Every structure is written in C-alpha cells, then in structure tokens.
Amino acid sequence: VQLVESGGGLVQPGGSLRLSCVASGFAFRSYFMRWYRQAPGEERELVATITNGGRTTTYAEFVQGRFTISRDNGKNTLYLQMNSLKPDDTAVYYCSVLFGGNTYWGQGTQVTVSS
C-alpha cells in the first residue's frame, strides 16, 4: 500500500488549496478513504471520510461547509478541496486507508495558513 499526498503550501487566510492523494497497492475503489491532519503539538484528528463509491461524505465540525472530500476511482486519487482557510487549519494533512486490518498513512503534506 502506498499513499502519496501533494498540494500543500502557504496560503493567506481566506484562501483555498486542493490536496491530492494518489493510492496504489490495493483496490482503491473498494475502500473508504479519509483525510486527517496534525498540528504541531497536537494529536492527529479526522477531517473527512468518503465511502468507496463516493456517494457519502462526512466531515469534522471544524471544517463543515469549507472543505470537500472527493475521489476519482478511475485515477486512484483522493482529493480535499479546502476553502475559506483559517490559521487554525495549519497542519500536516494525511490521507489514510484501513486495509487488511491495518491503517496506512501517506507521508503528509504541509498546509500553512498565514498572512
């Protein structure tokens, strides 16, 4: 299993970013996928979940209405569209899959929201 995130960077408050996660080594279209984040000194927290077919999504309250999780099963790629970014959104963002009883993580992509 390999998960490779990209798309992070430095953005001003109110700005937008789109994260991507390319998956390989498992049947991507058959598994729920998740985005997590971890700020310095904080525990990793769940941001959003999407079902295998992409029809159902759920969000943490702190991103509800601002972030959108989506997937392209033909490209084995997971996305996180982040709008109206706030300084509190600064964190390393990880995609994740529960596969074969194990949780797999990508290397993460840094998102910094600052003026």
C-alpha atoms as a PDB file:
ATOM      1  CA  VAL A   1       0.000   0.000   0.000  1.00  0.00           C
ATOM      2  CA  GLN A   2       1.308   3.398  -0.949  1.00  0.00           C
ATOM      3  CA  LEU A   3      -0.348   6.770  -0.416  1.00  0.00           C
ATOM      4  CA  VAL A   4       1.283   9.930  -1.755  1.00  0.00           C
ATOM      5  CA  GLU A   5      -0.138  13.330  -0.853  1.00  0.00           C
ATOM      6  CA  SER A   6       0.546  16.592  -2.630  1.00  0.00           C
ATOM      7  CA  GLY A   7      -0.873  20.080  -2.996  1.00  0.00           C
ATOM      8  CA  GLY A   8       0.022  21.658   0.309  1.00  0.00           C
ATOM      9  CA  GLY A   9       1.690  25.032   0.688  1.00  0.00           C
ATOM     10  CA  LEU A  10       1.489  28.504   2.159  1.00  0.00           C
ATOM     11  CA  VAL A  11      -1.803  30.366   1.702  1.00  0.00           C
ATOM     12  CA  GLN A  12      -3.294  33.518   3.157  1.00  0.00           C
ATOM     13  CA  PRO A  13      -6.356  33.378   5.418  1.00  0.00           C
ATOM     14  CA  GLY A  14      -9.477  33.070   3.303  1.00  0.00           C
ATOM     15  CA  GLY A  15      -7.602  31.329   0.529  1.00  0.00           C
ATOM     16  CA  SER A  16      -8.005  27.889  -0.986  1.00  0.00           C
ATOM     17  CA  LEU A  17      -5.935  24.792  -1.621  1.00  0.00           C
ATOM     18  CA  ARG A  18      -6.647  21.424  -3.203  1.00  0.00           C
ATOM     19  CA  LEU A  19      -4.873  18.406  -1.801  1.00  0.00           C
ATOM     20  CA  SER A  20      -4.436  15.159  -3.728  1.00  0.00           C
ATOM     21  CA  CYS A  21      -3.577  11.652  -2.610  1.00  0.00           C
ATOM     22  CA  VAL A  22      -2.569   9.037  -5.174  1.00  0.00           C
ATOM     23  CA  ALA A  23      -3.098   5.490  -3.957  1.00  0.00           C
ATOM     24  CA  SER A  24      -1.573   2.206  -5.087  1.00  0.00           C
ATOM     25  CA  GLY A  25      -1.168  -1.373  -3.895  1.00  0.00           C
ATOM     26  CA  PHE A  26      -4.794  -2.047  -3.121  1.00  0.00           C
ATOM     27  CA  ALA A  27      -8.194  -1.886  -4.816  1.00  0.00           C
ATOM     28  CA  PHE A  28      -8.768   1.810  -4.225  1.00  0.00           C
ATOM     29  CA  ARG A  29     -12.353   1.762  -5.472  1.00  0.00           C
ATOM     30  CA  SER A  30     -13.347  -0.765  -2.811  1.00  0.00           C
ATOM     31  CA  TYR A  31     -12.305   1.177   0.297  1.00  0.00           C
ATOM     32  CA  PHE A  32     -13.433   4.119   2.334  1.00  0.00           C
ATOM     33  CA  MET A  33     -10.797   6.843   2.417  1.00  0.00           C
ATOM     34  CA  ARG A  34     -10.069   9.507   4.982  1.00  0.00           C
ATOM     35  CA  TRP A  35      -8.178  12.750   5.438  1.00  0.00           C
ATOM     36  CA  TYR A  36      -6.585  13.516   8.781  1.00  0.00           C
ATOM     37  CA  ARG A  37      -4.480  16.409   9.989  1.00  0.00           C
ATOM     38  CA  GLN A  38      -1.971  17.008  12.746  1.00  0.00           C
ATOM     39  CA  ALA A  39      -0.950  20.412  14.028  1.00  0.00           C
ATOM     40  CA  PRO A  40       2.305  20.916  15.964  1.00  0.00           C
ATOM     41  CA  GLY A  41       1.955  19.601  19.497  1.00  0.00           C
ATOM     42  CA  GLU A  42      -1.496  18.219  18.804  1.00  0.00           C
ATOM     43  CA  GLU A  43      -2.938  14.774  18.207  1.00  0.00           C
ATOM     44  CA  ARG A  44      -3.850  13.660  14.727  1.00  0.00           C
ATOM     45  CA  GLU A  45      -7.524  14.354  14.056  1.00  0.00           C
ATOM     46  CA  LEU A  46     -10.020  13.129  11.487  1.00  0.00           C
ATOM     47  CA  VAL A  47     -11.030  15.741   8.931  1.00  0.00           C
ATOM     48  CA  ALA A  48     -13.255  13.924   6.427  1.00  0.00           C
ATOM     49  CA  THR A  49     -14.358  10.484   5.230  1.00  0.00           C
ATOM     50  CA  ILE A  50     -15.675   9.302   1.871  1.00  0.00           C
ATOM     51  CA  THR A  51     -17.279   5.973   1.062  1.00  0.00           C
ATOM     52  CA  ASN A  52     -15.812   3.693  -1.587  1.00  0.00           C
ATOM     53  CA  GLY A  53     -18.227   4.843  -4.276  1.00  0.00           C
ATOM     54  CA  GLY A  54     -18.007   8.459  -3.236  1.00  0.00           C
ATOM     55  CA  ARG A  55     -21.716   8.898  -2.581  1.00  0.00           C
ATOM     56  CA  THR A  56     -21.449   9.607   1.129  1.00  0.00           C
ATOM     57  CA  THR A  57     -19.116  12.021   2.846  1.00  0.00           C
ATOM     58  CA  THR A  58     -18.751  13.099   6.439  1.00  0.00           C
ATOM     59  CA  TYR A  59     -16.814  15.989   7.957  1.00  0.00           C
ATOM     60  CA  ALA A  60     -15.467  17.157  11.256  1.00  0.00           C
ATOM     61  CA  GLU A  61     -17.459  20.052  12.603  1.00  0.00           C
ATOM     62  CA  PHE A  62     -14.492  22.389  12.341  1.00  0.00           C
ATOM     63  CA  VAL A  63     -14.330  22.046   8.519  1.00  0.00           C
ATOM     64  CA  GLN A  64     -18.016  21.569   7.751  1.00  0.00           C
ATOM     65  CA  GLY A  65     -19.068  23.838   4.905  1.00  0.00           C
ATOM     66  CA  ARG A  66     -15.491  24.807   3.999  1.00  0.00           C
ATOM     67  CA  PHE A  67     -13.808  21.545   2.932  1.00  0.00           C
ATOM     68  CA  THR A  68     -14.961  18.988   0.351  1.00  0.00           C
ATOM     69  CA  ILE A  69     -13.636  15.440   0.091  1.00  0.00           C
ATOM     70  CA  SER A  70     -13.949  13.662  -3.246  1.00  0.00           C
ATOM     71  CA  ARG A  71     -12.375  10.828  -5.206  1.00  0.00           C
ATOM     72  CA  ASP A  72     -11.718   9.657  -8.735  1.00  0.00           C
ATOM     73  CA  ASN A  73     -11.716   5.879  -8.702  1.00  0.00           C
ATOM     74  CA  GLY A  74     -10.526   5.781 -12.295  1.00  0.00           C
ATOM     75  CA  LYS A  75      -7.364   7.630 -11.249  1.00  0.00           C
ATOM     76  CA  ASN A  76      -6.950   6.041  -7.810  1.00  0.00           C
ATOM     77  CA  THR A  77      -6.902   9.551  -6.395  1.00  0.00           C
ATOM     78  CA  LEU A  78      -8.439  11.156  -3.331  1.00  0.00           C
ATOM     79  CA  TYR A  79      -8.941  14.922  -3.059  1.00  0.00           C
ATOM     80  CA  LEU A  80      -9.569  17.518  -0.394  1.00  0.00           C
ATOM     81  CA  GLN A  81     -10.750  20.921  -1.573  1.00  0.00           C
ATOM     82  CA  MET A  82     -10.146  23.436   1.191  1.00  0.00           C
ATOM     83  CA  ASN A  83     -11.799  26.855   1.018  1.00  0.00           C
ATOM     84  CA  SER A  84     -12.024  29.787   3.432  1.00  0.00           C
ATOM     85  CA  LEU A  85      -8.845  28.615   5.120  1.00  0.00           C
ATOM     86  CA  LYS A  86      -8.064  29.827   8.628  1.00  0.00           C
ATOM     87  CA  PRO A  87      -4.782  29.955  10.560  1.00  0.00           C
ATOM     88  CA  ASP A  88      -6.153  27.136  12.743  1.00  0.00           C
ATOM     89  CA  ASP A  89      -6.156  24.909   9.643  1.00  0.00           C
ATOM     90  CA  THR A  90      -2.354  24.947   9.664  1.00  0.00           C
ATOM     91  CA  ALA A  91      -1.237  21.324   9.944  1.00  0.00           C
ATOM     92  CA  VAL A  92       0.247  18.375   8.116  1.00  0.00           C
ATOM     93  CA  TYR A  93      -2.550  16.674   6.178  1.00  0.00           C
ATOM     94  CA  TYR A  94      -2.554  12.904   5.671  1.00  0.00           C
ATOM     95  CA  CYS A  95      -4.687  10.557   3.642  1.00  0.00           C
ATOM     96  CA  SER A  96      -5.429   7.185   5.153  1.00  0.00           C
ATOM     97  CA  VAL A  97      -6.956   3.799   4.409  1.00  0.00           C
ATOM     98  CA  LEU A  98      -7.915   0.891   6.634  1.00  0.00           C
ATOM     99  CA  PHE A  99      -6.781  -2.154   4.660  1.00  0.00           C
ATOM    100  CA  GLY A 100      -6.320  -5.738   5.820  1.00  0.00           C
ATOM    101  CA  GLY A 101      -6.806  -4.734   9.433  1.00  0.00           C
ATOM    102  CA  ASN A 102      -4.053  -2.129   9.284  1.00  0.00           C
ATOM    103  CA  THR A 103      -4.212   1.635   8.938  1.00  0.00           C
ATOM    104  CA  TYR A 104      -1.945   3.064   6.272  1.00  0.00           C
ATOM    105  CA  TRP A 105      -0.809   6.671   6.002  1.00  0.00           C
ATOM    106  CA  GLY A 106       0.871   8.802   3.423  1.00  0.00           C
ATOM    107  CA  GLN A 107       3.899  10.947   4.215  1.00  0.00           C
ATOM    108  CA  GLY A 108       1.704  14.015   4.637  1.00  0.00           C
ATOM    109  CA  THR A 109       1.616  17.435   3.024  1.00  0.00           C
ATOM    110  CA  GLN A 110       2.136  20.667   4.967  1.00  0.00           C
ATOM    111  CA  VAL A 111      -0.565  23.321   4.852  1.00  0.00           C
ATOM    112  CA  THR A 112       0.293  26.691   6.373  1.00  0.00           C
ATOM    113  CA  VAL A 113      -2.311  29.442   6.596  1.00  0.00           C
ATOM    114  CA  SER A 114      -0.722  32.763   7.408  1.00  0.00           C
ATOM    115  CA  SER A 115      -0.661  36.365   6.279  1.00  0.00           C
END
